[in-house]
Amino acid sequence: MKRILIYLILFAVLGYGLWPYYTIFRLDNALAERDPTAIAPYVDLAAIRANYKERLGGTMNAFVPRDNSDGERVVGWLADNLRKLGDSALDQAITLEWVRNMLVDAASRASGDGTSRFMAGIDFAFFESWDRFVIRLGELGNATHVVMRLEETEWRITDVVR
């Protein structure tokens, strides 16, 4: 009985460890199709947009002066409006087609042979935590990082960082 329990636990751990790699295999097949909606089950657009907004928001604050002058208020007002414009611009720019193009281009650059197969460009892929999996397309220094998170019962792309 103890042996069966050990094998069941080992099987469960092995299955969990292979799960994101199976998702990568399925994503690779979806990326081979021309239709961007084929990758929809593997992409969390809201999370990707939120991560880009967070990165852009951090850089925007560096340009806003911190003294209590009229100039600060004007620049602050402009920054607020640019944030609003940036949010809607990001929502329009970051689409399934954009994600597909980013992944295909990054894989093509990383593989070096001009192929658009996603798996050919993967240089590194492993768990960062129990619910976060990171894929590096290309060598360090010139890589695109794809972050996948476990959302309910599926691994989904939540960030693409060039």
C-alpha atoms as a PDB file:
ATOM      1  CA  MET A   1       0.000   0.000   0.000  1.00  0.00           C
ATOM      2  CA  LYS A   2       2.830   2.369   0.900  1.00  0.00           C
ATOM      3  CA  ARG A   3       4.540   1.629  -2.404  1.00  0.00           C
ATOM      4  CA  ILE A   4       1.381   2.412  -4.377  1.00  0.00           C
ATOM      5  CA  LEU A   5       0.995   5.713  -2.537  1.00  0.00           C
ATOM      6  CA  ILE A   6       4.605   6.650  -3.303  1.00  0.00           C
ATOM      7  CA  TYR A   7       4.081   5.838  -6.988  1.00  0.00           C
ATOM      8  CA  LEU A   8       0.882   7.897  -7.084  1.00  0.00           C
ATOM      9  CA  ILE A   9       2.633  10.885  -5.526  1.00  0.00           C
ATOM     10  CA  LEU A  10       5.572  10.496  -7.898  1.00  0.00           C
ATOM     11  CA  PHE A  11       3.197  10.258 -10.859  1.00  0.00           C
ATOM     12  CA  ALA A  12       1.329  13.393  -9.721  1.00  0.00           C
ATOM     13  CA  VAL A  13       4.556  15.396  -9.296  1.00  0.00           C
ATOM     14  CA  LEU A  14       5.831  14.237 -12.681  1.00  0.00           C
ATOM     15  CA  GLY A  15       2.530  15.127 -14.332  1.00  0.00           C
ATOM     16  CA  TYR A  16       2.518  18.574 -12.739  1.00  0.00           C
ATOM     17  CA  GLY A  17       6.108  19.157 -13.869  1.00  0.00           C
ATOM     18  CA  LEU A  18       5.307  18.215 -17.474  1.00  0.00           C
ATOM     19  CA  TRP A  19       2.040  20.149 -17.625  1.00  0.00           C
ATOM     20  CA  PRO A  20       3.440  23.548 -18.754  1.00  0.00           C
ATOM     21  CA  TYR A  21       5.646  21.843 -21.348  1.00  0.00           C
ATOM     22  CA  TYR A  22       2.553  20.218 -22.811  1.00  0.00           C
ATOM     23  CA  THR A  23       0.951  23.681 -22.938  1.00  0.00           C
ATOM     24  CA  ILE A  24       4.027  24.958 -24.802  1.00  0.00           C
ATOM     25  CA  PHE A  25       3.627  22.109 -27.297  1.00  0.00           C
ATOM     26  CA  ARG A  26      -0.039  23.023 -27.827  1.00  0.00           C
ATOM     27  CA  LEU A  27       0.853  26.737 -28.072  1.00  0.00           C
ATOM     28  CA  ASP A  28       3.477  25.916 -30.705  1.00  0.00           C
ATOM     29  CA  ASN A  29       0.817  24.190 -32.804  1.00  0.00           C
ATOM     30  CA  ALA A  30      -1.583  27.122 -32.334  1.00  0.00           C
ATOM     31  CA  LEU A  31       1.116  29.603 -33.389  1.00  0.00           C
ATOM     32  CA  ALA A  32       1.629  27.631 -36.598  1.00  0.00           C
ATOM     33  CA  GLU A  33      -1.866  28.645 -37.656  1.00  0.00           C
ATOM     34  CA  ARG A  34      -2.313  32.069 -39.255  1.00  0.00           C
ATOM     35  CA  ASP A  35      -5.448  32.863 -37.246  1.00  0.00           C
ATOM     36  CA  PRO A  36      -4.535  34.798 -34.056  1.00  0.00           C
ATOM     37  CA  THR A  37      -7.636  33.485 -32.274  1.00  0.00           C
ATOM     38  CA  ALA A  38      -5.986  30.038 -32.243  1.00  0.00           C
ATOM     39  CA  ILE A  39      -3.773  31.193 -29.360  1.00  0.00           C
ATOM     40  CA  ALA A  40      -6.651  32.700 -27.352  1.00  0.00           C
ATOM     41  CA  PRO A  41      -6.889  29.773 -24.881  1.00  0.00           C
ATOM     42  CA  TYR A  42      -3.206  30.235 -24.003  1.00  0.00           C
ATOM     43  CA  VAL A  43      -3.157  34.031 -23.576  1.00  0.00           C
ATOM     44  CA  ASP A  44      -4.470  36.273 -20.801  1.00  0.00           C
ATOM     45  CA  LEU A  45      -4.676  39.618 -22.637  1.00  0.00           C
ATOM     46  CA  ALA A  46      -5.880  41.518 -19.571  1.00  0.00           C
ATOM     47  CA  ALA A  47      -2.808  40.417 -17.594  1.00  0.00           C
ATOM     48  CA  ILE A  48      -0.421  41.288 -20.437  1.00  0.00           C
ATOM     49  CA  ARG A  49      -1.981  44.741 -20.777  1.00  0.00           C
ATOM     50  CA  ALA A  50      -1.831  45.286 -17.005  1.00  0.00           C
ATOM     51  CA  ASN A  51       1.871  44.361 -16.925  1.00  0.00           C
ATOM     52  CA  TYR A  52       2.669  46.741 -19.787  1.00  0.00           C
ATOM     53  CA  LYS A  53       0.634  49.521 -18.141  1.00  0.00           C
ATOM     54  CA  GLU A  54       2.540  48.983 -14.900  1.00  0.00           C
ATOM     55  CA  ARG A  55       5.895  49.185 -16.672  1.00  0.00           C
ATOM     56  CA  LEU A  56       4.870  52.312 -18.596  1.00  0.00           C
ATOM     57  CA  GLY A  57       3.351  53.918 -15.502  1.00  0.00           C
ATOM     58  CA  GLY A  58       6.624  53.570 -13.644  1.00  0.00           C
ATOM     59  CA  THR A  59       8.551  55.366 -16.391  1.00  0.00           C
ATOM     60  CA  MET A  60       5.947  58.120 -16.742  1.00  0.00           C
ATOM     61  CA  ASN A  61       6.327  59.118 -13.073  1.00  0.00           C
ATOM     62  CA  ALA A  62      10.015  59.871 -13.649  1.00  0.00           C
ATOM     63  CA  PHE A  63       9.068  62.784 -15.940  1.00  0.00           C
ATOM     64  CA  VAL A  64       6.671  64.514 -13.515  1.00  0.00           C
ATOM     65  CA  PRO A  65       8.407  67.247 -11.456  1.00  0.00           C
ATOM     66  CA  ARG A  66       7.920  67.150  -7.689  1.00  0.00           C
ATOM     67  CA  ASP A  67       7.864  70.813  -6.681  1.00  0.00           C
ATOM     68  CA  ASN A  68       4.620  72.690  -5.967  1.00  0.00           C
ATOM     69  CA  SER A  69       4.627  75.010  -8.963  1.00  0.00           C
ATOM     70  CA  ASP A  70       2.262  75.750 -11.823  1.00  0.00           C
ATOM     71  CA  GLY A  71       4.593  73.794 -14.095  1.00  0.00           C
ATOM     72  CA  GLU A  72       4.237  70.723 -11.903  1.00  0.00           C
ATOM     73  CA  ARG A  73       0.470  70.923 -12.036  1.00  0.00           C
ATOM     74  CA  VAL A  74       0.483  71.280 -15.837  1.00  0.00           C
ATOM     75  CA  VAL A  75       2.940  68.419 -16.323  1.00  0.00           C
ATOM     76  CA  GLY A  76       0.981  66.322 -13.818  1.00  0.00           C
ATOM     77  CA  TRP A  77      -2.231  67.021 -15.712  1.00  0.00           C
ATOM     78  CA  LEU A  78      -0.532  66.084 -18.998  1.00  0.00           C
ATOM     79  CA  ALA A  79       0.855  62.886 -17.438  1.00  0.00           C
ATOM     80  CA  ASP A  80      -2.593  61.903 -16.154  1.00  0.00           C
ATOM     81  CA  ASN A  81      -4.113  62.432 -19.589  1.00  0.00           C
ATOM     82  CA  LEU A  82      -1.263  60.541 -21.250  1.00  0.00           C
ATOM     83  CA  ARG A  83      -1.891  57.669 -18.836  1.00  0.00           C
ATOM     84  CA  LYS A  84      -5.560  57.612 -19.833  1.00  0.00           C
ATOM     85  CA  LEU A  85      -4.643  57.837 -23.501  1.00  0.00           C
ATOM     86  CA  GLY A  86      -1.932  55.238 -22.964  1.00  0.00           C
ATOM     87  CA  ASP A  87      -4.412  52.842 -21.345  1.00  0.00           C
ATOM     88  CA  SER A  88      -6.764  52.983 -24.312  1.00  0.00           C
ATOM     89  CA  ALA A  89      -3.848  52.910 -26.752  1.00  0.00           C
ATOM     90  CA  LEU A  90      -2.445  49.813 -25.045  1.00  0.00           C
ATOM     91  CA  ASP A  91      -5.856  48.162 -25.103  1.00  0.00           C
ATOM     92  CA  GLN A  92      -5.999  48.764 -28.849  1.00  0.00           C
ATOM     93  CA  ALA A  93      -2.356  47.824 -29.515  1.00  0.00           C
ATOM     94  CA  ILE A  94      -2.035  44.674 -27.398  1.00  0.00           C
ATOM     95  CA  THR A  95      -4.228  42.182 -29.173  1.00  0.00           C
ATOM     96  CA  LEU A  96      -4.039  38.471 -29.883  1.00  0.00           C
ATOM     97  CA  GLU A  97      -2.460  39.297 -33.229  1.00  0.00           C
ATOM     98  CA  TRP A  98       0.200  41.433 -31.481  1.00  0.00           C
ATOM     99  CA  VAL A  99       0.966  38.627 -29.010  1.00  0.00           C
ATOM    100  CA  ARG A 100       1.165  36.092 -31.829  1.00  0.00           C
ATOM    101  CA  ASN A 101       3.506  38.323 -33.838  1.00  0.00           C
ATOM    102  CA  MET A 102       5.717  38.958 -30.788  1.00  0.00           C
ATOM    103  CA  LEU A 103       6.035  35.236 -30.071  1.00  0.00           C
ATOM    104  CA  VAL A 104       6.625  34.216 -33.690  1.00  0.00           C
ATOM    105  CA  ASP A 105       9.180  37.015 -34.261  1.00  0.00           C
ATOM    106  CA  ALA A 106      11.017  36.243 -31.017  1.00  0.00           C
ATOM    107  CA  ALA A 107      11.141  32.532 -31.815  1.00  0.00           C
ATOM    108  CA  SER A 108      12.358  33.257 -35.333  1.00  0.00           C
ATOM    109  CA  ARG A 109      15.129  35.558 -34.046  1.00  0.00           C
ATOM    110  CA  ALA A 110      16.129  33.089 -31.349  1.00  0.00           C
ATOM    111  CA  SER A 111      16.259  30.023 -33.589  1.00  0.00           C
ATOM    112  CA  GLY A 112      18.400  31.865 -36.110  1.00  0.00           C
ATOM    113  CA  ASP A 113      17.167  29.795 -39.021  1.00  0.00           C
ATOM    114  CA  GLY A 114      14.144  31.949 -39.820  1.00  0.00           C
ATOM    115  CA  THR A 115      11.688  29.308 -38.699  1.00  0.00           C
ATOM    116  CA  SER A 116       8.547  30.481 -37.003  1.00  0.00           C
ATOM    117  CA  ARG A 117       8.244  27.402 -34.758  1.00  0.00           C
ATOM    118  CA  PHE A 118       7.975  28.599 -31.182  1.00  0.00           C
ATOM    119  CA  MET A 119       9.669  25.571 -29.664  1.00  0.00           C
ATOM    120  CA  ALA A 120      12.718  26.003 -31.924  1.00  0.00           C
ATOM    121  CA  GLY A 121      13.482  29.365 -30.313  1.00  0.00           C
ATOM    122  CA  ILE A 122      13.254  28.267 -26.673  1.00  0.00           C
ATOM    123  CA  ASP A 123      16.595  28.523 -24.920  1.00  0.00           C
ATOM    124  CA  PHE A 124      15.298  27.981 -21.385  1.00  0.00           C
ATOM    125  CA  ALA A 125      11.954  27.057 -19.829  1.00  0.00           C
ATOM    126  CA  PHE A 126      11.358  26.221 -16.189  1.00  0.00           C
ATOM    127  CA  PHE A 127       9.301  26.950 -13.096  1.00  0.00           C
ATOM    128  CA  GLU A 128       9.940  30.176 -11.218  1.00  0.00           C
ATOM    129  CA  SER A 129       7.410  29.165  -8.568  1.00  0.00           C
ATOM    130  CA  TRP A 130       4.660  26.575  -8.313  1.00  0.00           C
ATOM    131  CA  ASP A 131       2.267  28.730 -10.381  1.00  0.00           C
ATOM    132  CA  ARG A 132       4.710  30.722 -12.537  1.00  0.00           C
ATOM    133  CA  PHE A 133       6.623  29.325 -15.514  1.00  0.00           C
ATOM    134  CA  VAL A 134       9.165  31.378 -17.489  1.00  0.00           C
ATOM    135  CA  ILE A 135      10.255  30.755 -21.063  1.00  0.00           C
ATOM    136  CA  ARG A 136      13.314  32.474 -22.523  1.00  0.00           C
ATOM    137  CA  LEU A 137      13.450  32.783 -26.300  1.00  0.00           C
ATOM    138  CA  GLY A 138      17.071  33.458 -27.241  1.00  0.00           C
ATOM    139  CA  GLU A 139      20.253  33.857 -25.277  1.00  0.00           C
ATOM    140  CA  LEU A 140      20.582  36.084 -22.229  1.00  0.00           C
ATOM    141  CA  GLY A 141      21.030  39.739 -23.090  1.00  0.00           C
ATOM    142  CA  ASN A 142      19.016  39.506 -26.286  1.00  0.00           C
ATOM    143  CA  ALA A 143      16.083  37.410 -25.158  1.00  0.00           C
ATOM    144  CA  THR A 144      12.333  37.654 -25.039  1.00  0.00           C
ATOM    145  CA  HIS A 145      10.835  36.326 -21.819  1.00  0.00           C
ATOM    146  CA  VAL A 146       7.389  34.771 -21.835  1.00  0.00           C
ATOM    147  CA  VAL A 147       5.738  34.372 -18.443  1.00  0.00           C
ATOM    148  CA  MET A 148       3.013  31.798 -17.968  1.00  0.00           C
ATOM    149  CA  ARG A 149       0.831  31.548 -14.876  1.00  0.00           C
ATOM    150  CA  LEU A 150      -1.431  28.784 -13.722  1.00  0.00           C
ATOM    151  CA  GLU A 151      -4.924  30.245 -13.905  1.00  0.00           C
ATOM    152  CA  GLU A 152      -7.510  27.874 -12.495  1.00  0.00           C
ATOM    153  CA  THR A 153      -6.756  24.734 -14.517  1.00  0.00           C
ATOM    154  CA  GLU A 154      -4.737  26.149 -17.430  1.00  0.00           C
ATOM    155  CA  TRP A 155      -1.295  27.635 -17.988  1.00  0.00           C
ATOM    156  CA  ARG A 156      -1.697  30.977 -19.753  1.00  0.00           C
ATOM    157  CA  ILE A 157       0.723  33.639 -20.992  1.00  0.00           C
ATOM    158  CA  THR A 158       0.471  36.668 -18.707  1.00  0.00           C
ATOM    159  CA  ASP A 159       3.501  38.675 -19.851  1.00  0.00           C
ATOM    160  CA  VAL A 160       5.853  39.045 -22.810  1.00  0.00           C
ATOM    161  CA  VAL A 161       9.001  41.052 -22.093  1.00  0.00           C
ATOM    162  CA  ARG A 162      11.480  41.941 -24.811  1.00  0.00           C
END
